[in-house]
Amino acid sequence: MLYIGFGIEFVQQTRLELSNSSYRRASTMTYLDVVFNYGAIPGENELRAIDSMREVYGIRSVQFNAKQRTVRVEYDASRLKQDAVAKMLRQAGIDVREAVALA
């Protein structure tokens, strides 16, 4: 398994700040995973492009499973939609097919 990204420590991060004796929500990020099947095996150029996806706010990690021919992306659902993630993968040169239903 090829792993590119930041790691997967948590699914949701909520930070509360104390302000003038009351709590307020400062930021909430909800991380989701999406898994896509892919056709052609990504080459060096595609992997470099995938590495640059980490610079996009909301992409947390990208994992390839060559045996199952799947790519798993962990992303911030409050910033991105599944279709946008698939589009970024395609723009990086990955032959993305259908999404895999996660159990």
PDB file of N, CA and C in Angstrom:
ATOM      1  N   MET A   1       0.846  -1.165   0.000  1.00  0.00           N
ATOM      2  CA  MET A   1       0.000   0.000   0.000  1.00  0.00           C
ATOM      3  C   MET A   1       0.894   1.231   0.000  1.00  0.00           C
ATOM      4  N   LEU A   2       0.635   2.144  -0.915  1.00  0.00           N
ATOM      5  CA  LEU A   2       1.372   3.398  -0.986  1.00  0.00           C
ATOM      6  C   LEU A   2       0.593   4.441  -0.214  1.00  0.00           C
ATOM      7  N   TYR A   3       1.265   5.164   0.669  1.00  0.00           N
ATOM      8  CA  TYR A   3       0.596   6.146   1.509  1.00  0.00           C
ATOM      9  C   TYR A   3       1.222   7.509   1.292  1.00  0.00           C
ATOM     10  N   ILE A   4       0.378   8.468   0.952  1.00  0.00           N
ATOM     11  CA  ILE A   4       0.817   9.849   0.797  1.00  0.00           C
ATOM     12  C   ILE A   4      -0.131  10.691   1.631  1.00  0.00           C
ATOM     13  N   GLY A   5       0.366  11.420   2.603  1.00  0.00           N
ATOM     14  CA  GLY A   5      -0.537  12.274   3.357  1.00  0.00           C
ATOM     15  C   GLY A   5      -0.088  12.536   4.768  1.00  0.00           C
ATOM     16  N   PHE A   6      -1.035  12.898   5.566  1.00  0.00           N
ATOM     17  CA  PHE A   6      -0.752  13.381   6.903  1.00  0.00           C
ATOM     18  C   PHE A   6      -1.026  12.379   7.998  1.00  0.00           C
ATOM     19  N   GLY A   7      -1.673  11.288   7.726  1.00  0.00           N
ATOM     20  CA  GLY A   7      -2.083  10.349   8.763  1.00  0.00           C
ATOM     21  C   GLY A   7      -3.557  10.504   9.064  1.00  0.00           C
ATOM     22  N   ILE A   8      -4.110   9.570   9.771  1.00  0.00           N
ATOM     23  CA  ILE A   8      -5.527   9.612  10.078  1.00  0.00           C
ATOM     24  C   ILE A   8      -5.742   9.404  11.572  1.00  0.00           C
ATOM     25  N   GLU A   9      -5.572  10.461  12.333  1.00  0.00           N
ATOM     26  CA  GLU A   9      -5.711  10.361  13.774  1.00  0.00           C
ATOM     27  C   GLU A   9      -7.161  10.515  14.242  1.00  0.00           C
ATOM     28  N   PHE A  10      -7.923  11.313  13.540  1.00  0.00           N
ATOM     29  CA  PHE A  10      -9.273  11.553  14.016  1.00  0.00           C
ATOM     30  C   PHE A  10     -10.233  11.772  12.856  1.00  0.00           C
ATOM     31  N   VAL A  11     -11.519  11.624  13.162  1.00  0.00           N
ATOM     32  CA  VAL A  11     -12.553  11.820  12.151  1.00  0.00           C
ATOM     33  C   VAL A  11     -13.131  13.213  12.232  1.00  0.00           C
ATOM     34  N   GLN A  12     -13.267  13.727  13.409  1.00  0.00           N
ATOM     35  CA  GLN A  12     -13.828  15.074  13.548  1.00  0.00           C
ATOM     36  C   GLN A  12     -13.034  15.847  14.582  1.00  0.00           C
ATOM     37  N   GLN A  13     -12.734  17.096  14.275  1.00  0.00           N
ATOM     38  CA  GLN A  13     -11.997  17.953  15.197  1.00  0.00           C
ATOM     39  C   GLN A  13     -12.869  19.166  15.495  1.00  0.00           C
ATOM     40  N   THR A  14     -13.145  19.375  16.748  1.00  0.00           N
ATOM     41  CA  THR A  14     -13.909  20.550  17.156  1.00  0.00           C
ATOM     42  C   THR A  14     -13.127  21.263  18.232  1.00  0.00           C
ATOM     43  N   ARG A  15     -12.931  22.537  18.038  1.00  0.00           N
ATOM     44  CA  ARG A  15     -12.187  23.334  19.008  1.00  0.00           C
ATOM     45  C   ARG A  15     -13.132  24.381  19.590  1.00  0.00           C
ATOM     46  N   LEU A  16     -13.193  24.401  20.881  1.00  0.00           N
ATOM     47  CA  LEU A  16     -14.009  25.410  21.555  1.00  0.00           C
ATOM     48  C   LEU A  16     -13.086  26.418  22.202  1.00  0.00           C
ATOM     49  N   GLU A  17     -13.436  27.653  22.099  1.00  0.00           N
ATOM     50  CA  GLU A  17     -12.642  28.710  22.723  1.00  0.00           C
ATOM     51  C   GLU A  17     -13.495  29.428  23.755  1.00  0.00           C
ATOM     52  N   LEU A  18     -12.855  29.793  24.827  1.00  0.00           N
ATOM     53  CA  LEU A  18     -13.524  30.553  25.868  1.00  0.00           C
ATOM     54  C   LEU A  18     -13.385  32.033  25.537  1.00  0.00           C
ATOM     55  N   SER A  19     -14.515  32.701  25.384  1.00  0.00           N
ATOM     56  CA  SER A  19     -14.488  34.110  25.033  1.00  0.00           C
ATOM     57  C   SER A  19     -15.537  34.849  25.867  1.00  0.00           C
ATOM     58  N   ASN A  20     -15.069  35.750  26.700  1.00  0.00           N
ATOM     59  CA  ASN A  20     -15.964  36.554  27.552  1.00  0.00           C
ATOM     60  C   ASN A  20     -16.918  35.674  28.355  1.00  0.00           C
ATOM     61  N   SER A  21     -16.376  34.631  28.981  1.00  0.00           N
ATOM     62  CA  SER A  21     -17.131  33.714  29.839  1.00  0.00           C
ATOM     63  C   SER A  21     -18.190  32.910  29.096  1.00  0.00           C
ATOM     64  N   SER A  22     -18.095  32.794  27.791  1.00  0.00           N
ATOM     65  CA  SER A  22     -19.025  31.944  27.050  1.00  0.00           C
ATOM     66  C   SER A  22     -18.251  31.139  26.015  1.00  0.00           C
ATOM     67  N   TYR A  23     -18.749  29.960  25.712  1.00  0.00           N
ATOM     68  CA  TYR A  23     -18.112  29.118  24.709  1.00  0.00           C
ATOM     69  C   TYR A  23     -18.665  29.457  23.332  1.00  0.00           C
ATOM     70  N   ARG A  24     -17.779  29.406  22.343  1.00  0.00           N
ATOM     71  CA  ARG A  24     -18.245  29.556  20.957  1.00  0.00           C
ATOM     72  C   ARG A  24     -17.463  28.578  20.103  1.00  0.00           C
ATOM     73  N   ARG A  25     -18.054  28.106  19.068  1.00  0.00           N
ATOM     74  CA  ARG A  25     -17.390  27.179  18.175  1.00  0.00           C
ATOM     75  C   ARG A  25     -16.436  27.960  17.282  1.00  0.00           C
ATOM     76  N   ALA A  26     -15.154  27.611  17.327  1.00  0.00           N
ATOM     77  CA  ALA A  26     -14.151  28.307  16.538  1.00  0.00           C
ATOM     78  C   ALA A  26     -13.992  27.671  15.163  1.00  0.00           C
ATOM     79  N   SER A  27     -13.915  26.351  15.100  1.00  0.00           N
ATOM     80  CA  SER A  27     -13.813  25.686  13.802  1.00  0.00           C
ATOM     81  C   SER A  27     -14.203  24.235  13.948  1.00  0.00           C
ATOM     82  N   THR A  28     -14.790  23.698  12.919  1.00  0.00           N
ATOM     83  CA  THR A  28     -15.173  22.297  12.886  1.00  0.00           C
ATOM     84  C   THR A  28     -14.763  21.728  11.538  1.00  0.00           C
ATOM     85  N   MET A  29     -14.056  20.620  11.578  1.00  0.00           N
ATOM     86  CA  MET A  29     -13.687  19.922  10.357  1.00  0.00           C
ATOM     87  C   MET A  29     -14.196  18.500  10.456  1.00  0.00           C
ATOM     88  N   THR A  30     -14.927  18.070   9.471  1.00  0.00           N
ATOM     89  CA  THR A  30     -15.431  16.712   9.430  1.00  0.00           C
ATOM     90  C   THR A  30     -14.725  15.979   8.310  1.00  0.00           C
ATOM     91  N   TYR A  31     -13.870  15.039   8.663  1.00  0.00           N
ATOM     92  CA  TYR A  31     -13.114  14.293   7.670  1.00  0.00           C
ATOM     93  C   TYR A  31     -13.864  13.028   7.275  1.00  0.00           C
ATOM     94  N   LEU A  32     -13.975  12.823   5.973  1.00  0.00           N
ATOM     95  CA  LEU A  32     -14.599  11.630   5.410  1.00  0.00           C
ATOM     96  C   LEU A  32     -13.606  10.931   4.510  1.00  0.00           C
ATOM     97  N   ASP A  33     -13.823   9.640   4.313  1.00  0.00           N
ATOM     98  CA  ASP A  33     -13.041   8.856   3.367  1.00  0.00           C
ATOM     99  C   ASP A  33     -13.901   8.543   2.158  1.00  0.00           C
ATOM    100  N   VAL A  34     -13.283   8.577   0.993  1.00  0.00           N
ATOM    101  CA  VAL A  34     -13.920   8.102  -0.222  1.00  0.00           C
ATOM    102  C   VAL A  34     -12.916   7.190  -0.912  1.00  0.00           C
ATOM    103  N   VAL A  35     -13.402   6.082  -1.444  1.00  0.00           N
ATOM    104  CA  VAL A  35     -12.545   5.123  -2.125  1.00  0.00           C
ATOM    105  C   VAL A  35     -13.038   4.986  -3.557  1.00  0.00           C
ATOM    106  N   PHE A  36     -12.105   5.111  -4.501  1.00  0.00           N
ATOM    107  CA  PHE A  36     -12.414   4.963  -5.921  1.00  0.00           C
ATOM    108  C   PHE A  36     -11.613   3.807  -6.487  1.00  0.00           C
ATOM    109  N   ASN A  37     -12.221   3.073  -7.423  1.00  0.00           N
ATOM    110  CA  ASN A  37     -11.462   2.130  -8.236  1.00  0.00           C
ATOM    111  C   ASN A  37     -10.711   2.939  -9.274  1.00  0.00           C
ATOM    112  N   TYR A  38      -9.561   2.442  -9.713  1.00  0.00           N
ATOM    113  CA  TYR A  38      -8.846   3.109 -10.801  1.00  0.00           C
ATOM    114  C   TYR A  38      -8.399   2.075 -11.813  1.00  0.00           C
ATOM    115  N   GLY A  39      -8.160   2.534 -13.045  1.00  0.00           N
ATOM    116  CA  GLY A  39      -7.770   1.646 -14.133  1.00  0.00           C
ATOM    117  C   GLY A  39      -6.265   1.511 -14.227  1.00  0.00           C
ATOM    118  N   ALA A  40      -5.645   2.423 -14.956  1.00  0.00           N
ATOM    119  CA  ALA A  40      -4.203   2.366 -15.198  1.00  0.00           C
ATOM    120  C   ALA A  40      -3.426   2.664 -13.922  1.00  0.00           C
ATOM    121  N   ILE A  41      -2.328   1.948 -13.741  1.00  0.00           N
ATOM    122  CA  ILE A  41      -1.467   2.152 -12.581  1.00  0.00           C
ATOM    123  C   ILE A  41      -0.795   3.519 -12.704  1.00  0.00           C
ATOM    124  N   PRO A  42      -0.883   4.348 -11.647  1.00  0.00           N
ATOM    125  CA  PRO A  42      -0.278   5.680 -11.714  1.00  0.00           C
ATOM    126  C   PRO A  42       1.245   5.603 -11.787  1.00  0.00           C
ATOM    127  N   GLY A  43       1.825   6.491 -12.593  1.00  0.00           N
ATOM    128  CA  GLY A  43       3.271   6.566 -12.732  1.00  0.00           C
ATOM    129  C   GLY A  43       3.856   7.637 -11.835  1.00  0.00           C
ATOM    130  N   GLU A  44       5.115   7.925 -12.055  1.00  0.00           N
ATOM    131  CA  GLU A  44       5.828   8.895 -11.228  1.00  0.00           C
ATOM    132  C   GLU A  44       5.222  10.295 -11.327  1.00  0.00           C
ATOM    133  N   ASN A  45       4.869  10.721 -12.537  1.00  0.00           N
ATOM    134  CA  ASN A  45       4.280  12.061 -12.712  1.00  0.00           C
ATOM    135  C   ASN A  45       2.935  12.178 -11.994  1.00  0.00           C
ATOM    136  N   GLU A  46       2.131  11.131 -12.071  1.00  0.00           N
ATOM    137  CA  GLU A  46       0.829  11.152 -11.411  1.00  0.00           C
ATOM    138  C   GLU A  46       0.994  11.205  -9.889  1.00  0.00           C
ATOM    139  N   LEU A  47       1.985  10.452  -9.378  1.00  0.00           N
ATOM    140  CA  LEU A  47       2.204  10.453  -7.933  1.00  0.00           C
ATOM    141  C   LEU A  47       2.706  11.803  -7.442  1.00  0.00           C
ATOM    142  N   ARG A  48       3.509  12.470  -8.248  1.00  0.00           N
ATOM    143  CA  ARG A  48       3.937  13.830  -7.883  1.00  0.00           C
ATOM    144  C   ARG A  48       2.743  14.778  -7.836  1.00  0.00           C
ATOM    145  N   ALA A  49       1.854  14.645  -8.816  1.00  0.00           N
ATOM    146  CA  ALA A  49       0.661  15.490  -8.841  1.00  0.00           C
ATOM    147  C   ALA A  49      -0.232  15.200  -7.634  1.00  0.00           C
ATOM    148  N   ILE A  50      -0.334  13.928  -7.255  1.00  0.00           N
ATOM    149  CA  ILE A  50      -1.112  13.553  -6.072  1.00  0.00           C
ATOM    150  C   ILE A  50      -0.493  14.165  -4.825  1.00  0.00           C
ATOM    151  N   ASP A  51       0.829  14.149  -4.750  1.00  0.00           N
ATOM    152  CA  ASP A  51       1.516  14.729  -3.598  1.00  0.00           C
ATOM    153  C   ASP A  51       1.175  16.209  -3.450  1.00  0.00           C
ATOM    154  N   SER A  52       1.007  16.901  -4.572  1.00  0.00           N
ATOM    155  CA  SER A  52       0.660  18.322  -4.504  1.00  0.00           C
ATOM    156  C   SER A  52      -0.788  18.543  -4.062  1.00  0.00           C
ATOM    157  N   MET A  53      -1.633  17.497  -4.110  1.00  0.00           N
ATOM    158  CA  MET A  53      -3.017  17.622  -3.641  1.00  0.00           C
ATOM    159  C   MET A  53      -3.065  17.926  -2.150  1.00  0.00           C
ATOM    160  N   ARG A  54      -2.028  17.526  -1.410  1.00  0.00           N
ATOM    161  CA  ARG A  54      -2.011  17.796   0.031  1.00  0.00           C
ATOM    162  C   ARG A  54      -1.994  19.286   0.312  1.00  0.00           C
ATOM    163  N   GLU A  55      -1.535  20.071  -0.664  1.00  0.00           N
ATOM    164  CA  GLU A  55      -1.495  21.518  -0.485  1.00  0.00           C
ATOM    165  C   GLU A  55      -2.882  22.135  -0.595  1.00  0.00           C
ATOM    166  N   VAL A  56      -3.821  21.401  -1.166  1.00  0.00           N
ATOM    167  CA  VAL A  56      -5.194  21.879  -1.280  1.00  0.00           C
ATOM    168  C   VAL A  56      -5.842  21.763   0.088  1.00  0.00           C
ATOM    169  N   TYR A  57      -6.408  22.856   0.563  1.00  0.00           N
ATOM    170  CA  TYR A  57      -7.050  22.839   1.872  1.00  0.00           C
ATOM    171  C   TYR A  57      -8.238  21.895   1.839  1.00  0.00           C
ATOM    172  N   GLY A  58      -8.195  20.902   2.676  1.00  0.00           N
ATOM    173  CA  GLY A  58      -9.292  19.953   2.760  1.00  0.00           C
ATOM    174  C   GLY A  58      -8.878  18.536   2.419  1.00  0.00           C
ATOM    175  N   ILE A  59      -7.765  18.333   1.716  1.00  0.00           N
ATOM    176  CA  ILE A  59      -7.264  16.984   1.437  1.00  0.00           C
ATOM    177  C   ILE A  59      -6.307  16.619   2.552  1.00  0.00           C
ATOM    178  N   ARG A  60      -6.594  15.547   3.243  1.00  0.00           N
ATOM    179  CA  ARG A  60      -5.762  15.160   4.375  1.00  0.00           C
ATOM    180  C   ARG A  60      -4.798  14.029   4.038  1.00  0.00           C
ATOM    181  N   SER A  61      -5.265  13.034   3.304  1.00  0.00           N
ATOM    182  CA  SER A  61      -4.384  11.934   2.935  1.00  0.00           C
ATOM    183  C   SER A  61      -4.888  11.249   1.671  1.00  0.00           C
ATOM    184  N   VAL A  62      -3.949  10.596   0.987  1.00  0.00           N
ATOM    185  CA  VAL A  62      -4.256   9.817  -0.218  1.00  0.00           C
ATOM    186  C   VAL A  62      -3.505   8.502  -0.090  1.00  0.00           C
ATOM    187  N   GLN A  63      -4.218   7.390  -0.237  1.00  0.00           N
ATOM    188  CA  GLN A  63      -3.613   6.061  -0.132  1.00  0.00           C
ATOM    189  C   GLN A  63      -3.978   5.234  -1.352  1.00  0.00           C
ATOM    190  N   PHE A  64      -2.989   4.593  -1.941  1.00  0.00           N
ATOM    191  CA  PHE A  64      -3.223   3.686  -3.062  1.00  0.00           C
ATOM    192  C   PHE A  64      -3.090   2.251  -2.580  1.00  0.00           C
ATOM    193  N   ASN A  65      -3.996   1.392  -3.026  1.00  0.00           N
ATOM    194  CA  ASN A  65      -3.901  -0.037  -2.783  1.00  0.00           C
ATOM    195  C   ASN A  65      -3.784  -0.696  -4.155  1.00  0.00           C
ATOM    196  N   ALA A  66      -2.556  -1.043  -4.547  1.00  0.00           N
ATOM    197  CA  ALA A  66      -2.305  -1.586  -5.883  1.00  0.00           C
ATOM    198  C   ALA A  66      -2.968  -2.948  -6.075  1.00  0.00           C
ATOM    199  N   LYS A  67      -3.042  -3.739  -5.021  1.00  0.00           N
ATOM    200  CA  LYS A  67      -3.635  -5.073  -5.127  1.00  0.00           C
ATOM    201  C   LYS A  67      -5.123  -4.991  -5.458  1.00  0.00           C
ATOM    202  N   GLN A  68      -5.827  -4.094  -4.776  1.00  0.00           N
ATOM    203  CA  GLN A  68      -7.264  -3.930  -5.017  1.00  0.00           C
ATOM    204  C   GLN A  68      -7.558  -2.885  -6.086  1.00  0.00           C
ATOM    205  N   ARG A  69      -6.513  -2.173  -6.541  1.00  0.00           N
ATOM    206  CA  ARG A  69      -6.646  -1.096  -7.528  1.00  0.00           C
ATOM    207  C   ARG A  69      -7.649  -0.045  -7.064  1.00  0.00           C
ATOM    208  N   THR A  70      -7.418   0.425  -5.825  1.00  0.00           N
ATOM    209  CA  THR A  70      -8.264   1.474  -5.268  1.00  0.00           C
ATOM    210  C   THR A  70      -7.394   2.600  -4.749  1.00  0.00           C
ATOM    211  N   VAL A  71      -7.994   3.772  -4.676  1.00  0.00           N
ATOM    212  CA  VAL A  71      -7.351   4.934  -4.069  1.00  0.00           C
ATOM    213  C   VAL A  71      -8.325   5.477  -3.029  1.00  0.00           C
ATOM    214  N   ARG A  72      -7.822   5.683  -1.814  1.00  0.00           N
ATOM    215  CA  ARG A  72      -8.624   6.207  -0.701  1.00  0.00           C
ATOM    216  C   ARG A  72      -8.148   7.622  -0.406  1.00  0.00           C
ATOM    217  N   VAL A  73      -9.102   8.546  -0.334  1.00  0.00           N
ATOM    218  CA  VAL A  73      -8.783   9.933  -0.039  1.00  0.00           C
ATOM    219  C   VAL A  73      -9.567  10.342   1.198  1.00  0.00           C
ATOM    220  N   GLU A  74      -8.849  10.890   2.165  1.00  0.00           N
ATOM    221  CA  GLU A  74      -9.502  11.461   3.339  1.00  0.00           C
ATOM    222  C   GLU A  74      -9.556  12.963   3.115  1.00  0.00           C
ATOM    223  N   TYR A  75     -10.751  13.530   3.223  1.00  0.00           N
ATOM    224  CA  TYR A  75     -10.945  14.945   2.908  1.00  0.00           C
ATOM    225  C   TYR A  75     -11.899  15.597   3.893  1.00  0.00           C
ATOM    226  N   ASP A  76     -11.832  16.917   3.956  1.00  0.00           N
ATOM    227  CA  ASP A  76     -12.700  17.702   4.821  1.00  0.00           C
ATOM    228  C   ASP A  76     -14.024  17.928   4.090  1.00  0.00           C
ATOM    229  N   ALA A  77     -15.065  17.275   4.572  1.00  0.00           N
ATOM    230  CA  ALA A  77     -16.377  17.335   3.927  1.00  0.00           C
ATOM    231  C   ALA A  77     -17.030  18.706   4.061  1.00  0.00           C
ATOM    232  N   SER A  78     -16.550  19.531   4.978  1.00  0.00           N
ATOM    233  CA  SER A  78     -17.108  20.876   5.087  1.00  0.00           C
ATOM    234  C   SER A  78     -16.529  21.794   4.011  1.00  0.00           C
ATOM    235  N   ARG A  79     -15.461  21.365   3.335  1.00  0.00           N
ATOM    236  CA  ARG A  79     -14.807  22.159   2.289  1.00  0.00           C
ATOM    237  C   ARG A  79     -14.988  21.576   0.886  1.00  0.00           C
ATOM    238  N   LEU A  80     -15.054  20.261   0.784  1.00  0.00           N
ATOM    239  CA  LEU A  80     -15.080  19.591  -0.519  1.00  0.00           C
ATOM    240  C   LEU A  80     -16.204  18.572  -0.589  1.00  0.00           C
ATOM    241  N   LYS A  81     -16.603  18.259  -1.795  1.00  0.00           N
ATOM    242  CA  LYS A  81     -17.565  17.195  -2.064  1.00  0.00           C
ATOM    243  C   LYS A  81     -16.829  16.044  -2.732  1.00  0.00           C
ATOM    244  N   GLN A  82     -17.432  14.881  -2.732  1.00  0.00           N
ATOM    245  CA  GLN A  82     -16.839  13.693  -3.336  1.00  0.00           C
ATOM    246  C   GLN A  82     -16.523  13.913  -4.812  1.00  0.00           C
ATOM    247  N   ASP A  83     -17.394  14.600  -5.530  1.00  0.00           N
ATOM    248  CA  ASP A  83     -17.167  14.870  -6.953  1.00  0.00           C
ATOM    249  C   ASP A  83     -15.930  15.736  -7.173  1.00  0.00           C
ATOM    250  N   ALA A  84     -15.707  16.692  -6.284  1.00  0.00           N
ATOM    251  CA  ALA A  84     -14.526  17.558  -6.396  1.00  0.00           C
ATOM    252  C   ALA A  84     -13.246  16.754  -6.164  1.00  0.00           C
ATOM    253  N   VAL A  85     -13.289  15.792  -5.243  1.00  0.00           N
ATOM    254  CA  VAL A  85     -12.133  14.941  -4.990  1.00  0.00           C
ATOM    255  C   VAL A  85     -11.830  14.093  -6.223  1.00  0.00           C
ATOM    256  N   ALA A  86     -12.868  13.513  -6.822  1.00  0.00           N
ATOM    257  CA  ALA A  86     -12.680  12.711  -8.039  1.00  0.00           C
ATOM    258  C   ALA A  86     -12.100  13.562  -9.165  1.00  0.00           C
ATOM    259  N   LYS A  87     -12.579  14.787  -9.279  1.00  0.00           N
ATOM    260  CA  LYS A  87     -12.072  15.689 -10.316  1.00  0.00           C
ATOM    261  C   LYS A  87     -10.592  15.998 -10.115  1.00  0.00           C
ATOM    262  N   MET A  88     -10.182  16.235  -8.854  1.00  0.00           N
ATOM    263  CA  MET A  88      -8.774  16.501  -8.572  1.00  0.00           C
ATOM    264  C   MET A  88      -7.906  15.295  -8.917  1.00  0.00           C
ATOM    265  N   LEU A  89      -8.397  14.097  -8.614  1.00  0.00           N
ATOM    266  CA  LEU A  89      -7.644  12.890  -8.960  1.00  0.00           C
ATOM    267  C   LEU A  89      -7.484  12.760 -10.472  1.00  0.00           C
ATOM    268  N   ARG A  90      -8.564  13.031 -11.189  1.00  0.00           N
ATOM    269  CA  ARG A  90      -8.494  12.960 -12.657  1.00  0.00           C
ATOM    270  C   ARG A  90      -7.537  14.006 -13.213  1.00  0.00           C
ATOM    271  N   GLN A  91      -7.566  15.207 -12.639  1.00  0.00           N
ATOM    272  CA  GLN A  91      -6.648  16.255 -13.094  1.00  0.00           C
ATOM    273  C   GLN A  91      -5.194  15.886 -12.823  1.00  0.00           C
ATOM    274  N   ALA A  92      -4.965  15.059 -11.816  1.00  0.00           N
ATOM    275  CA  ALA A  92      -3.614  14.588 -11.507  1.00  0.00           C
ATOM    276  C   ALA A  92      -3.195  13.455 -12.436  1.00  0.00           C
ATOM    277  N   GLY A  93      -4.133  12.961 -13.248  1.00  0.00           N
ATOM    278  CA  GLY A  93      -3.810  11.911 -14.201  1.00  0.00           C
ATOM    279  C   GLY A  93      -4.205  10.515 -13.772  1.00  0.00           C
ATOM    280  N   ILE A  94      -4.964  10.402 -12.688  1.00  0.00           N
ATOM    281  CA  ILE A  94      -5.399   9.091 -12.202  1.00  0.00           C
ATOM    282  C   ILE A  94      -6.650   8.676 -12.969  1.00  0.00           C
ATOM    283  N   ASP A  95      -6.661   7.434 -13.437  1.00  0.00           N
ATOM    284  CA  ASP A  95      -7.787   6.882 -14.192  1.00  0.00           C
ATOM    285  C   ASP A  95      -8.885   6.445 -13.216  1.00  0.00           C
ATOM    286  N   VAL A  96      -9.582   7.436 -12.637  1.00  0.00           N
ATOM    287  CA  VAL A  96     -10.604   7.177 -11.623  1.00  0.00           C
ATOM    288  C   VAL A  96     -11.848   6.587 -12.281  1.00  0.00           C
ATOM    289  N   ARG A  97     -12.344   5.529 -11.684  1.00  0.00           N
ATOM    290  CA  ARG A  97     -13.581   4.904 -12.139  1.00  0.00           C
ATOM    291  C   ARG A  97     -14.662   5.217 -11.123  1.00  0.00           C
ATOM    292  N   GLU A  98     -15.452   4.224 -10.745  1.00  0.00           N
ATOM    293  CA  GLU A  98     -16.568   4.445  -9.824  1.00  0.00           C
ATOM    294  C   GLU A  98     -16.092   4.460  -8.381  1.00  0.00           C
ATOM    295  N   ALA A  99     -16.914   5.087  -7.540  1.00  0.00           N
ATOM    296  CA  ALA A  99     -16.649   5.090  -6.091  1.00  0.00           C
ATOM    297  C   ALA A  99     -17.047   3.738  -5.523  1.00  0.00           C
ATOM    298  N   VAL A 100     -16.330   3.290  -4.523  1.00  0.00           N
ATOM    299  CA  VAL A 100     -16.601   2.023  -3.854  1.00  0.00           C
ATOM    300  C   VAL A 100     -17.417   2.318  -2.611  1.00  0.00           C
ATOM    301  N   ALA A 101     -18.493   1.552  -2.411  1.00  0.00           N
ATOM    302  CA  ALA A 101     -19.311   1.732  -1.216  1.00  0.00           C
ATOM    303  C   ALA A 101     -18.547   1.224  -0.006  1.00  0.00           C
ATOM    304  N   LEU A 102     -18.426   2.077   1.010  1.00  0.00           N
ATOM    305  CA  LEU A 102     -17.733   1.707   2.238  1.00  0.00           C
ATOM    306  C   LEU A 102     -18.732   1.149   3.234  1.00  0.00           C
ATOM    307  N   ALA A 103     -18.354   0.080   3.887  1.00  0.00           N
ATOM    308  CA  ALA A 103     -19.257  -0.552   4.858  1.00  0.00           C
ATOM    309  C   ALA A 103     -19.052   0.025   6.225  1.00  0.00           C
TER     310      ALA A 103
END
